Amino acid sequence: MTLLCSINLEPKPTFNWIETDNEIMSLKPWREIARPHRDVLEGTFKQSEFAADITQVANGSAPAEYQDAEQFFARTFITEGMRLLLGSVAERLAGKGGDPVIQLQTAFGGGKTHTMLAVYHLASRTVTTDRLQGIPPILDAAGIHDLPGARVAVIDGINLSVSQAVFFSNLRAHESKGEIFCPLLR
């Protein structure tokens, strides 16, 4: 007898033991189960574009797959943690509770920027939520039928400088408070 362990990470970690007689079951190669994105298959994948930059999204200079909310959600696998967070954000935007402050804590590569982009796109979207893949079930679960948008400010701590002013239309910000408030005044 042979025991094999099957591990599922979503929606919560589970371990299943599979018992076999006589033969050892073989697992299929990952390429037969998951199809890589076209740019990977065609060899046009650019590592520099893989790293999401929320500042580029906020100022309109990001690659389309990050800039455009529809493309972003079409390429995003919404994990259980992201689903819970987006549900809380949606509740807050709809005035139905939700956490007023959320602290993201994961190790490097844990998805913080991607999660912030999901929140950014959900709050500041220019399309209806039914066009954002994965969002309608989250809103249904929260009982939200009409999600209001919000004005969003993005603070880039790496590029923040107290010695150089940042301009927003005809306003000039000299400190972090200004970088928060100026975009919200648009």
N, C-alpha and C. Protein backbone atom coordinates (compact mmCIF):
# COMPACT_ATOMS: atom_id res chain seq x y z
N MET A 1 0.85 -1.17 0.00
CA MET A 1 0.00 0.00 0.00
C MET A 1 0.90 1.24 0.00
N THR A 2 0.45 2.27 -0.72
CA THR A 2 1.18 3.53 -0.80
C THR A 2 0.26 4.66 -0.36
N LEU A 3 0.78 5.60 0.40
CA LEU A 3 0.02 6.78 0.80
C LEU A 3 0.60 7.99 0.10
N LEU A 4 -0.25 8.78 -0.51
CA LEU A 4 0.15 10.04 -1.13
C LEU A 4 -0.57 11.17 -0.43
N CYS A 5 0.10 12.30 -0.31
CA CYS A 5 -0.50 13.46 0.34
C CYS A 5 -0.88 14.49 -0.72
N SER A 6 -2.11 14.95 -0.69
CA SER A 6 -2.59 16.01 -1.57
C SER A 6 -2.80 17.25 -0.71
N ILE A 7 -2.21 18.38 -1.11
CA ILE A 7 -2.30 19.62 -0.33
C ILE A 7 -3.06 20.66 -1.13
N ASN A 8 -4.11 21.21 -0.54
CA ASN A 8 -4.87 22.31 -1.14
C ASN A 8 -4.69 23.53 -0.26
N LEU A 9 -4.35 24.68 -0.86
CA LEU A 9 -4.13 25.89 -0.08
C LEU A 9 -5.34 26.80 -0.03
N GLU A 10 -6.25 26.70 -0.98
CA GLU A 10 -7.43 27.57 -1.01
C GLU A 10 -8.68 26.71 -0.89
N PRO A 11 -9.72 27.11 -0.22
CA PRO A 11 -9.84 28.37 0.48
C PRO A 11 -9.11 28.37 1.82
N LYS A 12 -8.82 27.20 2.37
CA LYS A 12 -7.97 27.14 3.56
C LYS A 12 -7.12 25.89 3.43
N PRO A 13 -5.95 25.89 4.05
CA PRO A 13 -5.06 24.73 3.89
C PRO A 13 -5.70 23.43 4.36
N THR A 14 -5.67 22.42 3.48
CA THR A 14 -6.16 21.10 3.84
C THR A 14 -5.17 20.06 3.30
N PHE A 15 -5.06 18.97 3.99
CA PHE A 15 -4.19 17.88 3.59
C PHE A 15 -5.05 16.64 3.43
N ASN A 16 -4.98 15.99 2.30
CA ASN A 16 -5.74 14.78 2.05
C ASN A 16 -4.78 13.64 1.74
N TRP A 17 -5.01 12.51 2.39
CA TRP A 17 -4.17 11.34 2.12
C TRP A 17 -4.91 10.45 1.15
N ILE A 18 -4.19 10.01 0.12
CA ILE A 18 -4.76 9.12 -0.89
C ILE A 18 -4.08 7.77 -0.74
N GLU A 19 -4.88 6.75 -0.56
CA GLU A 19 -4.33 5.40 -0.39
C GLU A 19 -4.46 4.64 -1.71
N THR A 20 -3.39 4.04 -2.13
CA THR A 20 -3.43 3.26 -3.38
C THR A 20 -2.94 1.85 -3.10
N ASP A 21 -3.41 0.92 -3.90
CA ASP A 21 -2.91 -0.46 -3.82
C ASP A 21 -1.82 -0.60 -4.87
N ASN A 22 -1.09 -1.55 -4.90
CA ASN A 22 -0.10 -1.97 -5.89
C ASN A 22 0.71 -0.88 -6.59
N GLU A 23 0.10 0.06 -7.32
CA GLU A 23 0.89 1.00 -8.11
C GLU A 23 1.01 2.35 -7.42
N ILE A 24 2.05 3.04 -7.75
CA ILE A 24 2.22 4.40 -7.27
C ILE A 24 1.59 5.31 -8.32
N MET A 25 0.72 6.18 -7.88
CA MET A 25 0.07 7.12 -8.81
C MET A 25 1.10 8.17 -9.22
N SER A 26 1.08 8.55 -10.46
CA SER A 26 1.99 9.60 -10.90
C SER A 26 1.22 10.91 -11.06
N LEU A 27 1.87 12.01 -10.75
CA LEU A 27 1.26 13.32 -10.88
C LEU A 27 1.54 13.86 -12.27
N LYS A 28 0.58 14.57 -12.83
CA LYS A 28 0.76 15.17 -14.14
C LYS A 28 1.75 16.33 -14.04
N PRO A 29 2.49 16.60 -15.11
CA PRO A 29 3.37 17.78 -15.11
C PRO A 29 2.54 19.05 -14.96
N TRP A 30 3.10 20.04 -14.30
CA TRP A 30 2.34 21.27 -14.03
C TRP A 30 1.87 21.94 -15.31
N ARG A 31 2.60 21.83 -16.41
CA ARG A 31 2.19 22.46 -17.67
C ARG A 31 0.93 21.84 -18.26
N GLU A 32 0.59 20.63 -17.83
CA GLU A 32 -0.65 20.01 -18.29
C GLU A 32 -1.83 20.45 -17.44
N ILE A 33 -1.56 20.98 -16.28
CA ILE A 33 -2.62 21.39 -15.35
C ILE A 33 -2.87 22.90 -15.41
N ALA A 34 -1.80 23.68 -15.41
CA ALA A 34 -1.89 25.14 -15.42
C ALA A 34 -1.26 25.66 -16.70
N ARG A 35 -1.97 26.47 -17.43
CA ARG A 35 -1.46 27.02 -18.68
C ARG A 35 -0.81 28.37 -18.40
N PRO A 36 0.49 28.52 -18.72
CA PRO A 36 1.16 29.80 -18.50
C PRO A 36 0.55 30.90 -19.36
N HIS A 37 0.69 32.12 -18.94
CA HIS A 37 0.19 33.27 -19.67
C HIS A 37 0.92 33.36 -21.02
N ARG A 38 0.27 33.97 -21.98
CA ARG A 38 0.79 34.05 -23.35
C ARG A 38 2.21 34.61 -23.42
N ASP A 39 2.51 35.67 -22.64
CA ASP A 39 3.84 36.26 -22.73
C ASP A 39 4.94 35.29 -22.26
N VAL A 40 4.61 34.39 -21.35
CA VAL A 40 5.57 33.38 -20.91
C VAL A 40 5.77 32.35 -22.02
N LEU A 41 4.67 31.90 -22.62
CA LEU A 41 4.76 30.91 -23.69
C LEU A 41 5.50 31.44 -24.92
N GLU A 42 5.29 32.72 -25.24
CA GLU A 42 5.90 33.31 -26.42
C GLU A 42 7.31 33.83 -26.17
N GLY A 43 7.75 33.80 -24.92
CA GLY A 43 9.10 34.28 -24.60
C GLY A 43 9.21 35.79 -24.57
N THR A 44 8.08 36.49 -24.42
CA THR A 44 8.11 37.96 -24.39
C THR A 44 7.94 38.50 -22.97
N PHE A 45 7.93 37.61 -21.98
CA PHE A 45 7.79 38.02 -20.58
C PHE A 45 8.94 38.94 -20.19
N LYS A 46 8.61 40.06 -19.54
CA LYS A 46 9.63 41.01 -19.10
C LYS A 46 9.61 41.07 -17.58
N GLN A 47 10.69 40.68 -16.96
CA GLN A 47 10.78 40.67 -15.50
C GLN A 47 10.50 42.06 -14.93
N SER A 48 10.94 43.11 -15.62
CA SER A 48 10.75 44.47 -15.12
C SER A 48 9.28 44.85 -15.05
N GLU A 49 8.45 44.25 -15.89
CA GLU A 49 7.01 44.54 -15.87
C GLU A 49 6.27 43.65 -14.89
N PHE A 50 6.95 42.62 -14.39
CA PHE A 50 6.31 41.70 -13.46
C PHE A 50 6.10 42.36 -12.10
N ALA A 51 7.01 43.24 -11.72
CA ALA A 51 6.91 43.91 -10.43
C ALA A 51 5.92 45.07 -10.53
N ALA A 52 4.81 44.93 -9.86
CA ALA A 52 3.78 45.97 -9.89
C ALA A 52 4.26 47.20 -9.13
N ASP A 53 3.88 48.36 -9.61
CA ASP A 53 4.25 49.62 -8.97
C ASP A 53 2.99 50.45 -8.84
N ILE A 54 2.49 50.57 -7.63
CA ILE A 54 1.23 51.27 -7.41
C ILE A 54 1.34 52.76 -7.74
N THR A 55 2.53 53.33 -7.60
CA THR A 55 2.73 54.74 -7.96
C THR A 55 2.54 54.92 -9.46
N GLN A 56 3.07 54.00 -10.26
CA GLN A 56 2.87 54.08 -11.71
C GLN A 56 1.38 53.97 -12.05
N VAL A 57 0.67 53.10 -11.37
CA VAL A 57 -0.77 52.97 -11.62
C VAL A 57 -1.47 54.28 -11.27
N ALA A 58 -1.13 54.86 -10.12
CA ALA A 58 -1.78 56.10 -9.68
C ALA A 58 -1.51 57.27 -10.63
N ASN A 59 -0.31 57.30 -11.23
CA ASN A 59 -0.02 58.43 -12.13
C ASN A 59 -0.24 58.09 -13.60
N GLY A 60 -0.80 56.88 -13.87
CA GLY A 60 -1.20 56.52 -15.22
C GLY A 60 -0.10 56.03 -16.14
N SER A 61 1.05 55.61 -15.59
CA SER A 61 2.17 55.20 -16.44
C SER A 61 2.52 53.71 -16.32
N ALA A 62 1.64 52.91 -15.75
CA ALA A 62 1.91 51.48 -15.55
C ALA A 62 1.57 50.70 -16.83
N PRO A 63 2.16 49.50 -16.98
CA PRO A 63 1.76 48.63 -18.09
C PRO A 63 0.25 48.34 -18.00
N ALA A 64 -0.37 48.10 -19.14
CA ALA A 64 -1.83 47.95 -19.21
C ALA A 64 -2.39 46.89 -18.25
N GLU A 65 -1.66 45.78 -18.06
CA GLU A 65 -2.20 44.73 -17.19
C GLU A 65 -2.30 45.16 -15.73
N TYR A 66 -1.61 46.21 -15.35
CA TYR A 66 -1.74 46.77 -14.00
C TYR A 66 -2.61 48.02 -14.01
N GLN A 67 -2.52 48.82 -15.07
CA GLN A 67 -3.23 50.10 -15.16
C GLN A 67 -4.73 49.91 -15.32
N ASP A 68 -5.13 49.00 -16.16
CA ASP A 68 -6.53 48.79 -16.49
C ASP A 68 -7.17 47.81 -15.49
N ALA A 69 -8.21 48.25 -14.80
CA ALA A 69 -8.83 47.44 -13.76
C ALA A 69 -9.36 46.12 -14.30
N GLU A 70 -9.97 46.13 -15.48
CA GLU A 70 -10.50 44.89 -16.05
C GLU A 70 -9.39 43.89 -16.34
N GLN A 71 -8.32 44.36 -16.96
CA GLN A 71 -7.18 43.47 -17.24
C GLN A 71 -6.54 42.98 -15.95
N PHE A 72 -6.42 43.88 -14.98
CA PHE A 72 -5.81 43.51 -13.70
C PHE A 72 -6.57 42.37 -13.04
N PHE A 73 -7.89 42.51 -12.91
CA PHE A 73 -8.67 41.47 -12.24
C PHE A 73 -8.76 40.20 -13.09
N ALA A 74 -8.71 40.32 -14.41
CA ALA A 74 -8.72 39.13 -15.27
C ALA A 74 -7.46 38.29 -15.06
N ARG A 75 -6.37 38.92 -14.68
CA ARG A 75 -5.10 38.21 -14.48
C ARG A 75 -4.81 37.91 -13.02
N THR A 76 -5.71 38.27 -12.13
CA THR A 76 -5.47 38.12 -10.70
C THR A 76 -6.25 36.95 -10.12
N PHE A 77 -5.56 36.08 -9.40
CA PHE A 77 -6.23 35.03 -8.66
C PHE A 77 -6.54 35.61 -7.28
N ILE A 78 -7.81 35.71 -6.96
CA ILE A 78 -8.20 36.28 -5.68
C ILE A 78 -8.12 35.19 -4.61
N THR A 79 -7.13 35.33 -3.75
CA THR A 79 -6.94 34.37 -2.66
C THR A 79 -7.99 34.60 -1.58
N GLU A 80 -8.06 33.71 -0.63
CA GLU A 80 -9.00 33.87 0.48
C GLU A 80 -8.71 35.16 1.25
N GLY A 81 -7.43 35.44 1.51
CA GLY A 81 -7.08 36.66 2.23
C GLY A 81 -7.47 37.91 1.46
N MET A 82 -7.22 37.92 0.15
CA MET A 82 -7.60 39.07 -0.67
C MET A 82 -9.11 39.21 -0.74
N ARG A 83 -9.81 38.08 -0.82
CA ARG A 83 -11.28 38.12 -0.86
C ARG A 83 -11.83 38.75 0.42
N LEU A 84 -11.30 38.35 1.55
CA LEU A 84 -11.76 38.91 2.82
C LEU A 84 -11.47 40.41 2.91
N LEU A 85 -10.29 40.79 2.48
CA LEU A 85 -9.90 42.20 2.52
C LEU A 85 -10.78 43.04 1.57
N LEU A 86 -10.98 42.56 0.34
CA LEU A 86 -11.81 43.30 -0.61
C LEU A 86 -13.26 43.37 -0.13
N GLY A 87 -13.72 42.32 0.54
CA GLY A 87 -15.07 42.35 1.12
C GLY A 87 -15.18 43.42 2.19
N SER A 88 -14.16 43.53 3.04
CA SER A 88 -14.15 44.54 4.08
C SER A 88 -14.08 45.95 3.49
N VAL A 89 -13.26 46.13 2.45
CA VAL A 89 -13.16 47.43 1.79
C VAL A 89 -14.50 47.79 1.15
N ALA A 90 -15.13 46.83 0.48
CA ALA A 90 -16.43 47.08 -0.15
C ALA A 90 -17.47 47.47 0.90
N GLU A 91 -17.48 46.77 2.04
CA GLU A 91 -18.41 47.11 3.11
C GLU A 91 -18.17 48.54 3.60
N ARG A 92 -16.91 48.90 3.73
CA ARG A 92 -16.58 50.25 4.20
C ARG A 92 -17.04 51.30 3.19
N LEU A 93 -16.78 51.07 1.90
CA LEU A 93 -17.19 52.02 0.87
C LEU A 93 -18.70 52.14 0.79
N ALA A 94 -19.41 51.04 1.05
CA ALA A 94 -20.87 51.04 0.98
C ALA A 94 -21.52 51.51 2.27
N GLY A 95 -20.71 51.83 3.28
CA GLY A 95 -21.27 52.28 4.56
C GLY A 95 -21.89 51.17 5.37
N LYS A 96 -21.41 49.93 5.18
CA LYS A 96 -21.96 48.77 5.89
C LYS A 96 -20.95 48.15 6.83
N GLY A 97 -20.13 48.96 7.46
CA GLY A 97 -19.11 48.43 8.37
C GLY A 97 -17.76 48.42 7.69
N GLY A 98 -17.09 47.29 7.75
CA GLY A 98 -15.75 47.19 7.17
C GLY A 98 -14.73 47.86 8.06
N ASP A 99 -13.51 47.42 7.95
CA ASP A 99 -12.44 47.96 8.79
C ASP A 99 -11.99 49.33 8.28
N PRO A 100 -11.88 50.32 9.19
CA PRO A 100 -11.42 51.65 8.76
C PRO A 100 -9.92 51.69 8.49
N VAL A 101 -9.17 50.83 9.16
CA VAL A 101 -7.71 50.77 8.98
C VAL A 101 -7.33 49.30 8.80
N ILE A 102 -6.54 49.04 7.77
CA ILE A 102 -6.10 47.68 7.50
C ILE A 102 -4.59 47.67 7.40
N GLN A 103 -3.95 46.78 8.13
CA GLN A 103 -2.50 46.64 8.07
C GLN A 103 -2.17 45.36 7.33
N LEU A 104 -1.41 45.50 6.24
CA LEU A 104 -0.99 44.33 5.46
C LEU A 104 0.35 43.84 5.98
N GLN A 105 0.40 42.59 6.37
CA GLN A 105 1.64 42.02 6.88
C GLN A 105 1.91 40.69 6.19
N THR A 106 2.87 40.69 5.29
CA THR A 106 3.33 39.45 4.69
C THR A 106 4.82 39.59 4.44
N ALA A 107 5.46 38.49 4.21
CA ALA A 107 6.89 38.53 3.88
C ALA A 107 7.08 39.10 2.48
N PHE A 108 8.31 39.38 2.11
CA PHE A 108 8.63 39.86 0.77
C PHE A 108 8.06 38.87 -0.24
N GLY A 109 7.34 39.39 -1.23
CA GLY A 109 6.74 38.53 -2.24
C GLY A 109 5.41 37.93 -1.81
N GLY A 110 4.85 38.42 -0.70
CA GLY A 110 3.60 37.88 -0.18
C GLY A 110 2.35 38.47 -0.78
N GLY A 111 2.49 39.46 -1.66
CA GLY A 111 1.33 39.99 -2.36
C GLY A 111 0.78 41.31 -1.83
N LYS A 112 1.55 42.04 -1.03
CA LYS A 112 1.04 43.31 -0.48
C LYS A 112 0.72 44.32 -1.58
N THR A 113 1.65 44.53 -2.51
CA THR A 113 1.42 45.51 -3.56
C THR A 113 0.26 45.08 -4.45
N HIS A 114 0.19 43.81 -4.78
CA HIS A 114 -0.89 43.31 -5.61
C HIS A 114 -2.24 43.51 -4.90
N THR A 115 -2.26 43.28 -3.61
CA THR A 115 -3.48 43.49 -2.83
C THR A 115 -3.85 44.97 -2.79
N MET A 116 -2.85 45.84 -2.62
CA MET A 116 -3.13 47.28 -2.63
C MET A 116 -3.66 47.71 -3.99
N LEU A 117 -3.14 47.13 -5.07
CA LEU A 117 -3.65 47.45 -6.41
C LEU A 117 -5.09 47.00 -6.55
N ALA A 118 -5.44 45.85 -6.00
CA ALA A 118 -6.82 45.37 -6.05
C ALA A 118 -7.75 46.35 -5.32
N VAL A 119 -7.33 46.82 -4.16
CA VAL A 119 -8.12 47.80 -3.41
C VAL A 119 -8.21 49.11 -4.19
N TYR A 120 -7.09 49.56 -4.74
CA TYR A 120 -7.05 50.79 -5.54
C TYR A 120 -8.06 50.71 -6.69
N HIS A 121 -8.01 49.62 -7.44
CA HIS A 121 -8.91 49.47 -8.59
C HIS A 121 -10.36 49.34 -8.17
N LEU A 122 -10.62 48.66 -7.06
CA LEU A 122 -12.00 48.52 -6.59
C LEU A 122 -12.57 49.87 -6.18
N ALA A 123 -11.77 50.67 -5.50
CA ALA A 123 -12.25 51.96 -4.98
C ALA A 123 -12.32 53.05 -6.05
N SER A 124 -11.37 53.05 -6.97
CA SER A 124 -11.28 54.17 -7.92
C SER A 124 -11.70 53.79 -9.34
N ARG A 125 -12.40 52.70 -9.47
CA ARG A 125 -12.71 52.15 -10.80
C ARG A 125 -13.52 53.13 -11.66
N THR A 126 -13.36 52.94 -12.96
CA THR A 126 -14.13 53.74 -13.93
C THR A 126 -15.10 52.85 -14.69
N VAL A 127 -15.16 51.57 -14.34
CA VAL A 127 -16.10 50.63 -14.95
C VAL A 127 -16.99 50.04 -13.86
N THR A 128 -18.09 49.43 -14.26
CA THR A 128 -18.97 48.81 -13.28
C THR A 128 -18.32 47.56 -12.71
N THR A 129 -18.70 47.20 -11.51
CA THR A 129 -18.07 46.07 -10.82
C THR A 129 -18.33 44.74 -11.51
N ASP A 130 -19.40 44.62 -12.30
CA ASP A 130 -19.66 43.36 -12.99
C ASP A 130 -18.61 43.07 -14.07
N ARG A 131 -17.80 44.06 -14.42
CA ARG A 131 -16.75 43.88 -15.42
C ARG A 131 -15.40 43.52 -14.78
N LEU A 132 -15.38 43.42 -13.46
CA LEU A 132 -14.15 43.09 -12.73
C LEU A 132 -14.23 41.63 -12.27
N GLN A 133 -13.49 40.76 -12.94
CA GLN A 133 -13.55 39.33 -12.67
C GLN A 133 -13.27 39.03 -11.21
N GLY A 134 -14.17 38.27 -10.60
CA GLY A 134 -14.00 37.85 -9.21
C GLY A 134 -14.65 38.78 -8.20
N ILE A 135 -15.02 39.98 -8.62
CA ILE A 135 -15.59 40.95 -7.68
C ILE A 135 -17.08 40.72 -7.41
N PRO A 136 -17.91 40.42 -8.41
CA PRO A 136 -19.34 40.22 -8.12
C PRO A 136 -19.65 39.22 -7.00
N PRO A 137 -18.98 38.06 -6.92
CA PRO A 137 -19.28 37.16 -5.79
C PRO A 137 -18.92 37.75 -4.43
N ILE A 138 -17.88 38.57 -4.40
CA ILE A 138 -17.48 39.21 -3.14
C ILE A 138 -18.56 40.19 -2.70
N LEU A 139 -19.06 40.97 -3.65
CA LEU A 139 -20.11 41.94 -3.34
C LEU A 139 -21.42 41.24 -2.97
N ASP A 140 -21.74 40.15 -3.67
CA ASP A 140 -22.95 39.38 -3.35
C ASP A 140 -22.89 38.84 -1.93
N ALA A 141 -21.73 38.30 -1.55
CA ALA A 141 -21.56 37.75 -0.20
C ALA A 141 -21.72 38.82 0.87
N ALA A 142 -21.35 40.06 0.53
CA ALA A 142 -21.47 41.16 1.48
C ALA A 142 -22.84 41.84 1.40
N GLY A 143 -23.68 41.41 0.47
CA GLY A 143 -25.00 42.02 0.31
C GLY A 143 -24.93 43.43 -0.26
N ILE A 144 -23.94 43.69 -1.09
CA ILE A 144 -23.76 45.03 -1.67
C ILE A 144 -24.17 44.99 -3.13
N HIS A 145 -25.13 45.83 -3.48
CA HIS A 145 -25.64 45.86 -4.85
C HIS A 145 -25.14 47.07 -5.63
N ASP A 146 -24.81 48.12 -4.92
CA ASP A 146 -24.31 49.32 -5.58
C ASP A 146 -23.10 49.81 -4.78
N LEU A 147 -21.91 49.64 -5.35
CA LEU A 147 -20.68 50.01 -4.65
C LEU A 147 -20.24 51.40 -5.08
N PRO A 148 -20.27 52.37 -4.17
CA PRO A 148 -19.78 53.70 -4.55
C PRO A 148 -18.26 53.68 -4.72
N GLY A 149 -17.77 54.57 -5.56
CA GLY A 149 -16.33 54.74 -5.73
C GLY A 149 -15.78 55.66 -4.66
N ALA A 150 -14.50 55.91 -4.73
CA ALA A 150 -13.85 56.79 -3.76
C ALA A 150 -12.69 57.50 -4.42
N ARG A 151 -12.32 58.64 -3.88
CA ARG A 151 -11.08 59.30 -4.29
C ARG A 151 -9.95 58.61 -3.55
N VAL A 152 -8.85 58.38 -4.24
CA VAL A 152 -7.76 57.60 -3.67
C VAL A 152 -6.47 58.39 -3.72
N ALA A 153 -5.71 58.34 -2.64
CA ALA A 153 -4.38 58.95 -2.60
C ALA A 153 -3.35 57.82 -2.45
N VAL A 154 -2.27 57.91 -3.20
CA VAL A 154 -1.18 56.94 -3.11
C VAL A 154 0.06 57.66 -2.63
N ILE A 155 0.64 57.19 -1.56
CA ILE A 155 1.87 57.78 -1.02
C ILE A 155 3.01 56.82 -1.30
N ASP A 156 4.01 57.30 -2.01
CA ASP A 156 5.19 56.51 -2.35
C ASP A 156 6.29 56.88 -1.37
N GLY A 157 6.48 56.07 -0.35
CA GLY A 157 7.46 56.36 0.69
C GLY A 157 8.89 56.40 0.18
N ILE A 158 9.19 55.70 -0.89
CA ILE A 158 10.55 55.71 -1.45
C ILE A 158 10.83 57.06 -2.10
N ASN A 159 9.85 57.59 -2.81
CA ASN A 159 10.06 58.85 -3.54
C ASN A 159 9.59 60.08 -2.79
N LEU A 160 9.12 59.91 -1.58
CA LEU A 160 8.66 61.04 -0.77
C LEU A 160 9.86 61.86 -0.32
N SER A 161 9.80 63.15 -0.54
CA SER A 161 10.91 64.02 -0.15
C SER A 161 10.37 65.27 0.51
N VAL A 162 10.87 65.57 1.70
CA VAL A 162 10.43 66.78 2.40
C VAL A 162 11.10 68.02 1.82
N SER A 163 12.17 67.83 1.07
CA SER A 163 12.88 68.99 0.53
C SER A 163 12.40 69.39 -0.87
N GLN A 164 11.59 68.53 -1.51
CA GLN A 164 11.09 68.85 -2.83
C GLN A 164 9.57 68.80 -2.84
N ALA A 165 8.97 69.85 -3.35
CA ALA A 165 7.52 69.92 -3.41
C ALA A 165 7.00 69.01 -4.52
N VAL A 166 5.77 68.53 -4.32
CA VAL A 166 5.08 67.73 -5.33
C VAL A 166 3.88 68.54 -5.78
N PHE A 167 3.64 68.58 -7.10
CA PHE A 167 2.56 69.38 -7.65
C PHE A 167 1.37 68.52 -8.02
N PHE A 168 0.17 68.99 -7.65
CA PHE A 168 -1.10 68.37 -8.00
C PHE A 168 -1.95 69.47 -8.60
N SER A 169 -2.10 69.48 -9.91
CA SER A 169 -2.81 70.55 -10.62
C SER A 169 -2.16 71.87 -10.23
N ASN A 170 -2.91 72.76 -9.57
CA ASN A 170 -2.34 74.04 -9.18
C ASN A 170 -1.94 74.08 -7.71
N LEU A 171 -1.92 72.93 -7.05
CA LEU A 171 -1.54 72.85 -5.63
C LEU A 171 -0.13 72.30 -5.50
N ARG A 172 0.57 72.78 -4.50
CA ARG A 172 1.93 72.30 -4.25
C ARG A 172 1.99 71.74 -2.84
N ALA A 173 2.44 70.49 -2.73
CA ALA A 173 2.54 69.82 -1.42
C ALA A 173 4.00 69.77 -1.01
N HIS A 174 4.26 70.15 0.26
CA HIS A 174 5.62 70.15 0.78
C HIS A 174 5.88 69.06 1.81
N GLU A 175 4.85 68.32 2.17
CA GLU A 175 5.03 67.27 3.17
C GLU A 175 4.01 66.16 2.92
N SER A 176 4.13 65.09 3.68
CA SER A 176 3.30 63.91 3.44
C SER A 176 1.81 64.20 3.57
N LYS A 177 1.42 65.11 4.49
CA LYS A 177 -0.01 65.44 4.61
C LYS A 177 -0.53 66.03 3.31
N GLY A 178 0.26 66.85 2.68
CA GLY A 178 -0.14 67.43 1.40
C GLY A 178 -0.26 66.39 0.31
N GLU A 179 0.63 65.39 0.34
CA GLU A 179 0.56 64.32 -0.66
C GLU A 179 -0.67 63.45 -0.47
N ILE A 180 -1.19 63.43 0.74
CA ILE A 180 -2.42 62.69 1.00
C ILE A 180 -3.63 63.53 0.59
N PHE A 181 -3.67 64.78 1.04
CA PHE A 181 -4.87 65.60 0.85
C PHE A 181 -5.04 66.14 -0.57
N CYS A 182 -3.96 66.53 -1.24
CA CYS A 182 -4.09 67.12 -2.58
C CYS A 182 -4.81 66.19 -3.57
N PRO A 183 -4.43 64.92 -3.67
CA PRO A 183 -5.15 64.06 -4.62
C PRO A 183 -6.63 63.88 -4.25
N LEU A 184 -6.95 63.98 -2.97
CA LEU A 184 -8.34 63.80 -2.54
C LEU A 184 -9.19 65.02 -2.86
N LEU A 185 -8.57 66.14 -3.15
CA LEU A 185 -9.31 67.36 -3.46
C LEU A 185 -9.73 67.43 -4.94
N ARG A 186 -9.20 66.56 -5.76
CA ARG A 186 -9.55 66.58 -7.19
C ARG A 186 -10.99 66.34 -7.43
